[in-house]
Amino acid sequence: MRILSVHNRYQIRGGEDESRQAEENLLREMGHEVTVYEEHNDRIAKMNQLQVASRTIWSQEAYQIIQRRLKEQPQDIVHVQNFFPLISPSVYYAAKAQGVPVVQTLRNYRLLCPNALFFRDGQVCEDCLGKFLPLPGVIHGCYRESRVASVAVASMLTVHRTLRTWTKMVDVYIALTEFARQKFIQGGLPAEKIVVKSNFVHPDPKPGEGKGGYALYVGRLSVEKGLNTLLAAWKQLPMRLPLKIIGDGPLAGKLAADTQDMPHIEWLGRKSMSEVYELLGEAKFLIFPSNWYETFGRVAVEAFAKGTPVVASDIGAIAELVEDKRTGLKFIPADSADLAKKVTWLWENPQELNRMRQEVRREYEIKYTARQNYHKLMEIYDLVRNL
């Protein structure tokens, strides 16, 4: 099978990029021909605001590139991973003009929310959910804290709702969890076109032993990721439990300041994937304190693969991944006292922790290996080719 993978990369690589690349590599390993059309946000620095806004709504350049590629090298599927902002939904039209089916993976909430997070002023916000014109996102400057930039995103969403792009030009959407699928249905996407296929971890990193004697956080250092909740919880613990933090982001300065007198919290900055896996495998448990809905929670599944339980916020997609007292524990979102309570219980119950280690590894083997994921992806591709 020949697949054209389309994606717009950001300046900073994240979970979206890792998951997309893993999928492309898996397809190649299984003998499929995968070519890539990629744009990078570095180009934005060479454009003015009007040019960026125009491309966000419709990129004639991307349309022509896809048209030319499909004529020169016919494809069976165009799989769009991310079109925002420089590629635009014009790629759907280019694919359809050549009679090639389109699959779109929904890696964030951009089709429903200008900032793609459903998160504003430190809390979940659904003000634009289901609105034909996402005016609240413009008023609050939700995209890049700029009303001008938010107008461009809102215009893209409204124009393509008017054209019925989301309902007519995409054959199948892939949501990463059932929670995310339901949100997109609430937002107006056709339920019959949305299937659920999770991310996966490949190659298998093999389980660790969990003998490091520390808890671990891996992720962006930002408000929506719950870093403030994590730090507040650690100040309330009755014991000095070591915590290692991997990642970088806008709250890095606050993290450094808040932990000056807390030597049992170690900020490691960014680490390679192999280093993350090593630390994950030896951690007692992973803390996933996110305050927003997420669409998946890749690091939680990486923890499962390493045999490490997860203490997670009971919110959004991550609440779907973690089963309370089987693969980890859940706590009330943004409630540092409840997080401290759950961490203390898990630390003081090593037998339960060891039982959970067995369960999370089993969860990975049942749901999140490359084999299961590949079979599901082939079912989706076969479905759209037979429409």
Protein backbone atom coordinates (compact mmCIF):
# COMPACT_ATOMS: atom_id res chain seq x y z
CA MET A 1 0.00 0.00 0.00
CA ARG A 2 1.20 3.52 -0.79
CA ILE A 3 0.54 6.20 1.82
CA LEU A 4 1.24 9.92 1.63
CA SER A 5 1.66 11.24 5.18
CA VAL A 6 1.01 14.97 5.59
CA HIS A 7 2.02 16.97 8.62
CA ASN A 8 2.98 20.43 9.82
CA ARG A 9 5.77 20.36 12.38
CA TYR A 10 6.17 22.77 15.27
CA GLN A 11 9.40 24.30 16.51
CA ILE A 12 9.49 21.91 19.46
CA ARG A 13 9.04 18.19 18.93
CA GLY A 14 6.41 16.65 21.17
CA GLY A 15 4.18 13.65 21.65
CA GLU A 16 2.32 14.36 18.40
CA ASP A 17 5.53 14.12 16.39
CA GLU A 18 6.72 11.01 18.22
CA SER A 19 3.43 9.21 17.62
CA ARG A 20 3.22 10.21 13.99
CA GLN A 21 6.79 9.14 13.28
CA ALA A 22 6.28 5.82 15.07
CA GLU A 23 3.27 5.14 12.84
CA GLU A 24 5.17 5.98 9.65
CA ASN A 25 8.11 3.78 10.68
CA LEU A 26 5.81 0.88 11.53
CA LEU A 27 4.14 1.06 8.11
CA ARG A 28 7.54 0.97 6.43
CA GLU A 29 8.61 -2.00 8.55
CA MET A 30 5.49 -3.83 7.39
CA GLY A 31 6.41 -3.30 3.75
CA HIS A 32 4.28 -0.28 2.83
CA GLU A 33 5.56 2.66 0.82
CA VAL A 34 5.32 5.84 2.90
CA THR A 35 6.21 9.23 1.49
CA VAL A 36 5.98 12.45 3.48
CA TYR A 37 4.90 16.00 2.76
CA GLU A 38 6.05 18.20 5.60
CA GLU A 39 5.93 21.88 6.39
CA HIS A 40 7.73 23.40 9.36
CA ASN A 41 6.71 26.39 11.44
CA ASP A 42 10.19 27.86 11.00
CA ARG A 43 8.84 29.32 7.74
CA ILE A 44 6.48 31.58 9.66
CA ALA A 45 9.38 33.86 10.63
CA LYS A 46 9.74 34.80 6.95
CA MET A 47 6.06 35.70 6.50
CA ASN A 48 3.93 38.64 7.54
CA GLN A 49 0.69 38.17 9.49
CA LEU A 50 -1.50 38.42 6.41
CA GLN A 51 0.46 35.72 4.61
CA VAL A 52 0.25 33.36 7.58
CA ALA A 53 -3.48 34.02 8.01
CA SER A 54 -4.13 33.43 4.33
CA ARG A 55 -2.21 30.14 4.31
CA THR A 56 -4.01 29.01 7.46
CA ILE A 57 -7.35 29.24 5.63
CA TRP A 58 -6.19 27.97 2.25
CA SER A 59 -2.66 27.19 1.10
CA GLN A 60 -2.58 27.19 -2.68
CA GLU A 61 1.05 26.12 -2.49
CA ALA A 62 0.17 23.01 -0.46
CA TYR A 63 -2.74 22.27 -2.80
CA GLN A 64 -0.46 22.38 -5.85
CA ILE A 65 2.26 20.32 -4.17
CA ILE A 66 -0.18 17.55 -3.25
CA GLN A 67 -1.77 17.63 -6.70
CA ARG A 68 1.62 17.32 -8.38
CA ARG A 69 2.81 14.54 -6.09
CA LEU A 70 -0.33 12.48 -6.56
CA LYS A 71 -0.09 12.82 -10.34
CA GLU A 72 3.60 11.90 -10.43
CA GLN A 73 3.38 9.14 -7.81
CA PRO A 74 -0.17 7.80 -7.29
CA GLN A 75 -1.09 6.95 -3.69
CA ASP A 76 -3.70 4.71 -2.09
CA ILE A 77 -4.24 6.94 0.97
CA VAL A 78 -3.52 10.52 1.97
CA HIS A 79 -3.14 10.44 5.74
CA VAL A 80 -3.19 13.94 7.23
CA GLN A 81 -1.58 14.07 10.66
CA ASN A 82 -1.63 17.84 11.11
CA PHE A 83 -2.38 20.57 8.57
CA PHE A 84 -2.12 23.61 10.87
CA PRO A 85 -1.12 26.32 10.16
CA LEU A 86 0.89 26.27 6.93
CA ILE A 87 -0.62 23.35 5.01
CA SER A 88 -4.32 24.08 5.56
CA PRO A 89 -7.39 21.99 4.66
CA SER A 90 -6.62 22.62 0.98
CA VAL A 91 -4.77 19.27 1.04
CA TYR A 92 -8.11 17.47 1.42
CA TYR A 93 -9.37 19.09 -1.77
CA ALA A 94 -6.16 18.24 -3.64
CA ALA A 95 -6.48 14.59 -2.64
CA LYS A 96 -10.15 14.44 -3.57
CA ALA A 97 -9.44 16.02 -6.96
CA GLN A 98 -7.18 13.03 -7.66
CA GLY A 99 -9.67 10.52 -6.30
CA VAL A 100 -7.54 9.56 -3.30
CA PRO A 101 -9.29 8.89 0.04
CA VAL A 102 -8.38 11.04 3.05
CA VAL A 103 -7.75 9.97 6.64
CA GLN A 104 -7.25 12.63 9.33
CA THR A 105 -5.79 11.82 12.74
CA LEU A 106 -7.17 14.13 15.44
CA ARG A 107 -4.10 14.71 17.61
CA ASN A 108 -5.50 17.85 19.26
CA TYR A 109 -8.81 19.75 19.44
CA ARG A 110 -7.98 22.34 16.76
CA LEU A 111 -11.15 21.68 14.73
CA LEU A 112 -13.24 22.68 17.75
CA CYS A 113 -11.12 25.16 19.73
CA PRO A 114 -8.83 27.95 18.46
CA ASN A 115 -6.05 27.06 20.90
CA ALA A 116 -6.62 23.31 20.40
CA LEU A 117 -6.62 22.62 24.14
CA PHE A 118 -10.05 23.48 25.58
CA PHE A 119 -8.06 25.31 28.25
CA ARG A 120 -8.02 29.00 29.22
CA ASP A 121 -7.03 31.01 32.30
CA GLY A 122 -5.81 27.93 34.13
CA GLN A 123 -8.92 25.79 33.66
CA VAL A 124 -10.94 23.79 31.17
CA CYS A 125 -12.91 26.00 28.75
CA GLU A 126 -15.55 24.77 26.29
CA ASP A 127 -16.88 28.20 25.27
CA CYS A 128 -16.28 27.49 21.56
CA LEU A 129 -17.48 23.88 21.57
CA GLY A 130 -20.29 23.48 19.03
CA LYS A 131 -20.26 27.13 17.96
CA PHE A 132 -20.30 27.75 14.21
CA LEU A 133 -18.27 30.92 14.77
CA PRO A 134 -15.77 30.45 17.64
CA LEU A 135 -16.09 34.08 18.74
CA PRO A 136 -15.10 33.53 22.42
CA GLY A 137 -11.70 32.31 21.24
CA VAL A 138 -11.20 35.58 19.38
CA ILE A 139 -12.40 37.77 22.24
CA HIS A 140 -10.03 36.06 24.66
CA GLY A 141 -7.14 35.87 22.19
CA CYS A 142 -6.87 32.14 22.82
CA TYR A 143 -4.40 31.37 20.04
CA ARG A 144 -0.93 32.61 20.99
CA GLU A 145 -2.58 35.15 23.34
CA SER A 146 -3.31 37.29 20.29
CA ARG A 147 -6.69 38.40 18.99
CA VAL A 148 -5.23 38.97 15.54
CA ALA A 149 -3.82 35.44 15.39
CA SER A 150 -7.04 34.06 16.87
CA VAL A 151 -9.05 35.74 14.11
CA ALA A 152 -7.03 33.78 11.55
CA VAL A 153 -7.75 30.46 13.28
CA ALA A 154 -11.42 31.29 13.83
CA SER A 155 -11.72 32.31 10.17
CA MET A 156 -10.22 29.01 9.04
CA LEU A 157 -12.67 27.07 11.19
CA THR A 158 -15.68 29.11 10.09
CA VAL A 159 -14.82 29.11 6.37
CA HIS A 160 -14.44 25.35 6.32
CA ARG A 161 -17.58 24.80 8.35
CA THR A 162 -19.39 26.90 5.75
CA LEU A 163 -17.86 24.82 2.94
CA ARG A 164 -18.69 21.64 4.90
CA THR A 165 -15.06 20.61 4.55
CA TRP A 166 -15.04 18.64 7.79
CA THR A 167 -18.07 16.55 6.79
CA LYS A 168 -17.50 16.14 3.04
CA MET A 169 -13.76 16.09 2.38
CA VAL A 170 -12.49 13.64 5.03
CA ASP A 171 -13.40 9.97 4.71
CA VAL A 172 -12.41 8.84 8.20
CA TYR A 173 -11.19 10.63 11.31
CA ILE A 174 -9.03 8.81 13.84
CA ALA A 175 -9.59 9.83 17.46
CA LEU A 176 -7.04 8.53 19.97
CA THR A 177 -9.55 7.75 22.73
CA GLU A 178 -13.29 7.34 23.11
CA PHE A 179 -13.32 10.50 25.25
CA ALA A 180 -11.82 12.53 22.40
CA ARG A 181 -14.22 10.92 19.93
CA GLN A 182 -17.20 12.05 21.99
CA LYS A 183 -15.86 15.61 22.15
CA PHE A 184 -15.54 15.77 18.39
CA ILE A 185 -19.07 14.45 17.98
CA GLN A 186 -20.28 17.16 20.40
CA GLY A 187 -18.41 19.66 18.24
CA GLY A 188 -20.28 18.63 15.11
CA LEU A 189 -18.09 16.10 13.34
CA PRO A 190 -20.06 13.16 11.90
CA ALA A 191 -20.06 10.30 14.41
CA GLU A 192 -20.10 7.65 11.68
CA LYS A 193 -16.78 8.94 10.35
CA ILE A 194 -14.85 8.89 13.63
CA VAL A 195 -13.08 5.72 14.73
CA VAL A 196 -10.84 5.17 17.74
CA LYS A 197 -7.25 4.00 17.34
CA SER A 198 -4.81 4.66 20.14
CA ASN A 199 -1.15 5.54 19.94
CA PHE A 200 1.34 2.78 20.64
CA VAL A 201 4.90 2.19 21.82
CA HIS A 202 7.33 0.53 19.40
CA PRO A 203 9.81 -1.02 19.67
CA ASP A 204 8.94 -2.58 23.01
CA PRO A 205 11.28 -0.93 25.57
CA LYS A 206 10.86 -3.92 27.96
CA PRO A 207 9.85 -3.48 31.60
CA GLY A 208 12.14 -2.02 34.24
CA GLU A 209 12.42 -3.08 37.86
CA GLY A 210 11.07 -0.01 39.63
CA LYS A 211 13.89 0.03 42.15
CA GLY A 212 14.90 3.68 41.79
CA GLY A 213 13.02 4.84 44.88
CA TYR A 214 11.60 7.97 43.21
CA ALA A 215 8.47 9.27 41.50
CA LEU A 216 8.75 10.74 38.01
CA TYR A 217 7.12 13.48 35.93
CA VAL A 218 7.72 13.65 32.17
CA GLY A 219 6.22 16.44 30.10
CA ARG A 220 5.99 20.11 29.26
CA LEU A 221 6.47 22.47 32.19
CA SER A 222 3.23 24.39 31.78
CA VAL A 223 -0.01 25.24 33.57
CA GLU A 224 -2.22 22.90 31.52
CA LYS A 225 0.10 19.99 32.29
CA GLY A 226 -0.49 20.49 36.01
CA LEU A 227 3.04 21.36 37.11
CA ASN A 228 1.73 23.77 39.76
CA THR A 229 -0.49 21.02 41.18
CA LEU A 230 2.46 18.64 41.26
CA LEU A 231 4.75 21.05 43.13
CA ALA A 232 2.02 22.00 45.61
CA ALA A 233 1.32 18.32 46.31
CA TRP A 234 4.97 17.57 46.99
CA LYS A 235 5.07 20.30 49.63
CA GLN A 236 2.18 18.55 51.41
CA LEU A 237 3.64 15.05 51.52
CA PRO A 238 4.33 13.70 55.01
CA MET A 239 7.61 12.18 53.77
CA ARG A 240 10.49 13.45 51.63
CA LEU A 241 9.74 11.37 48.58
CA PRO A 242 12.28 11.95 45.79
CA LEU A 243 10.77 13.36 42.60
CA LYS A 244 12.55 13.60 39.26
CA ILE A 245 11.16 15.99 36.63
CA ILE A 246 11.95 15.66 32.93
CA GLY A 247 10.96 18.41 30.51
CA ASP A 248 11.09 22.11 29.74
CA GLY A 249 8.61 24.90 29.17
CA PRO A 250 7.28 28.28 30.32
CA LEU A 251 7.20 27.32 34.02
CA ALA A 252 10.88 26.33 34.10
CA GLY A 253 11.81 29.48 36.03
CA LYS A 254 9.06 28.89 38.58
CA LEU A 255 10.16 25.28 38.97
CA ALA A 256 13.74 26.34 39.67
CA ALA A 257 12.62 28.95 42.21
CA ASP A 258 10.07 26.76 43.98
CA THR A 259 12.46 23.84 44.43
CA GLN A 260 15.48 25.75 45.76
CA ASP A 261 14.73 24.52 49.28
CA MET A 262 13.48 21.11 48.15
CA PRO A 263 16.60 19.03 47.37
CA HIS A 264 14.49 15.89 47.01
CA ILE A 265 13.04 17.38 43.77
CA GLU A 266 15.47 17.07 40.86
CA TRP A 267 14.86 18.84 37.57
CA LEU A 268 16.66 16.98 34.80
CA GLY A 269 15.64 19.15 31.84
CA ARG A 270 15.16 17.43 28.50
CA LYS A 271 16.34 13.87 28.02
CA SER A 272 16.70 11.51 25.08
CA MET A 273 14.05 8.84 24.61
CA SER A 274 16.43 6.12 25.79
CA GLU A 275 17.16 8.11 28.96
CA VAL A 276 13.44 8.67 29.56
CA TYR A 277 12.77 4.95 29.22
CA GLU A 278 15.54 4.12 31.67
CA LEU A 279 14.21 6.55 34.25
CA LEU A 280 10.62 5.41 33.65
CA GLY A 281 11.53 1.79 34.22
CA GLU A 282 13.20 2.44 37.55
CA ALA A 283 10.59 4.91 38.86
CA LYS A 284 8.13 3.70 41.48
CA PHE A 285 5.37 5.45 39.57
CA LEU A 286 4.72 8.19 37.06
CA ILE A 287 2.77 11.34 37.96
CA PHE A 288 0.44 12.62 35.22
CA PRO A 289 -1.18 15.74 36.77
CA SER A 290 -2.68 17.27 33.62
CA ASN A 291 -5.40 19.91 34.03
CA TRP A 292 -6.71 19.72 30.45
CA TYR A 293 -8.51 17.04 28.50
CA GLU A 294 -5.49 15.73 26.54
CA THR A 295 -6.32 13.62 23.49
CA PHE A 296 -4.26 10.65 24.60
CA GLY A 297 -1.35 10.71 27.08
CA ARG A 298 1.54 8.99 25.34
CA VAL A 299 3.91 9.06 28.30
CA ALA A 300 1.39 7.07 30.36
CA VAL A 301 1.47 4.26 27.79
CA GLU A 302 5.27 4.44 27.74
CA ALA A 303 5.13 3.98 31.50
CA PHE A 304 2.84 0.96 31.03
CA ALA A 305 5.38 -0.56 28.63
CA LYS A 306 8.07 -0.14 31.30
CA GLY A 307 5.83 -1.69 33.96
CA THR A 308 5.37 1.57 35.84
CA PRO A 309 1.97 2.53 37.35
CA VAL A 310 0.54 6.00 36.76
CA VAL A 311 -1.01 8.47 39.20
CA ALA A 312 -3.21 10.60 36.95
CA SER A 313 -5.78 13.37 36.98
CA ASP A 314 -9.31 12.06 36.65
CA ILE A 315 -9.97 14.15 33.55
CA GLY A 316 -10.25 13.69 29.82
CA ALA A 317 -8.41 11.03 27.86
CA ILE A 318 -5.88 10.16 30.56
CA ALA A 319 -8.73 9.13 32.88
CA GLU A 320 -9.75 6.66 30.17
CA LEU A 321 -6.24 5.15 30.00
CA VAL A 322 -5.70 4.66 33.74
CA GLU A 323 -7.91 2.24 35.65
CA ASP A 324 -8.04 3.19 39.33
CA LYS A 325 -6.24 0.74 41.64
CA ARG A 326 -5.35 -1.54 38.72
CA THR A 327 -2.96 0.39 36.48
CA GLY A 328 -2.53 3.30 38.87
CA LEU A 329 -4.53 5.80 40.88
CA LYS A 330 -6.68 8.79 39.93
CA PHE A 331 -6.96 12.07 41.79
CA ILE A 332 -9.25 15.09 41.56
CA PRO A 333 -7.89 17.41 38.82
CA ALA A 334 -5.91 20.41 40.11
CA ASP A 335 -6.40 19.20 43.71
CA SER A 336 -2.91 19.06 45.19
CA ALA A 337 -4.18 17.71 48.52
CA ASP A 338 -5.85 14.76 46.81
CA LEU A 339 -2.75 14.11 44.74
CA ALA A 340 -0.61 14.13 47.89
CA LYS A 341 -3.06 11.71 49.52
CA LYS A 342 -2.93 9.26 46.59
CA VAL A 343 0.86 9.42 46.32
CA THR A 344 1.21 8.76 50.05
CA TRP A 345 -1.13 5.76 49.88
CA LEU A 346 0.73 4.23 46.96
CA TRP A 347 4.11 4.77 48.61
CA GLU A 348 2.91 3.18 51.82
CA ASN A 349 1.43 0.12 50.07
CA PRO A 350 4.33 -1.56 48.25
CA GLN A 351 2.42 -4.81 47.72
CA GLU A 352 -0.33 -2.95 45.86
CA LEU A 353 2.32 -1.09 43.89
CA ASN A 354 4.00 -4.34 42.86
CA ARG A 355 0.65 -5.80 41.80
CA MET A 356 -0.02 -2.74 39.67
CA ARG A 357 3.38 -3.16 37.99
CA GLN A 358 2.22 -6.50 36.64
CA GLU A 359 -1.11 -5.06 35.54
CA VAL A 360 0.29 -2.10 33.62
CA ARG A 361 2.67 -4.27 31.65
CA ARG A 362 -0.24 -6.57 30.79
CA GLU A 363 -2.26 -3.52 29.73
CA TYR A 364 0.51 -2.52 27.33
CA GLU A 365 0.74 -6.00 25.83
CA ILE A 366 -3.02 -6.19 25.28
CA LYS A 367 -3.68 -2.69 23.91
CA TYR A 368 -0.61 -0.68 22.96
CA THR A 369 1.84 -2.81 20.98
CA ALA A 370 2.70 -2.24 17.35
CA ARG A 371 0.94 -5.44 16.31
CA GLN A 372 -2.48 -4.40 17.63
CA ASN A 373 -2.06 -0.91 16.27
CA TYR A 374 -1.02 -2.06 12.82
CA HIS A 375 -4.04 -4.34 12.45
CA LYS A 376 -6.39 -1.51 13.45
CA LEU A 377 -4.75 0.93 11.05
CA MET A 378 -5.08 -1.56 8.19
CA GLU A 379 -8.78 -1.97 8.99
CA ILE A 380 -9.19 1.81 8.71
CA TYR A 381 -7.26 2.02 5.44
CA ASP A 382 -9.24 -0.87 3.96
CA LEU A 383 -12.46 0.84 5.04
CA VAL A 384 -11.74 4.12 3.26
CA ARG A 385 -10.47 2.38 0.11
CA ASN A 386 -13.74 0.48 -0.14
CA LEU A 387 -16.06 3.44 0.37
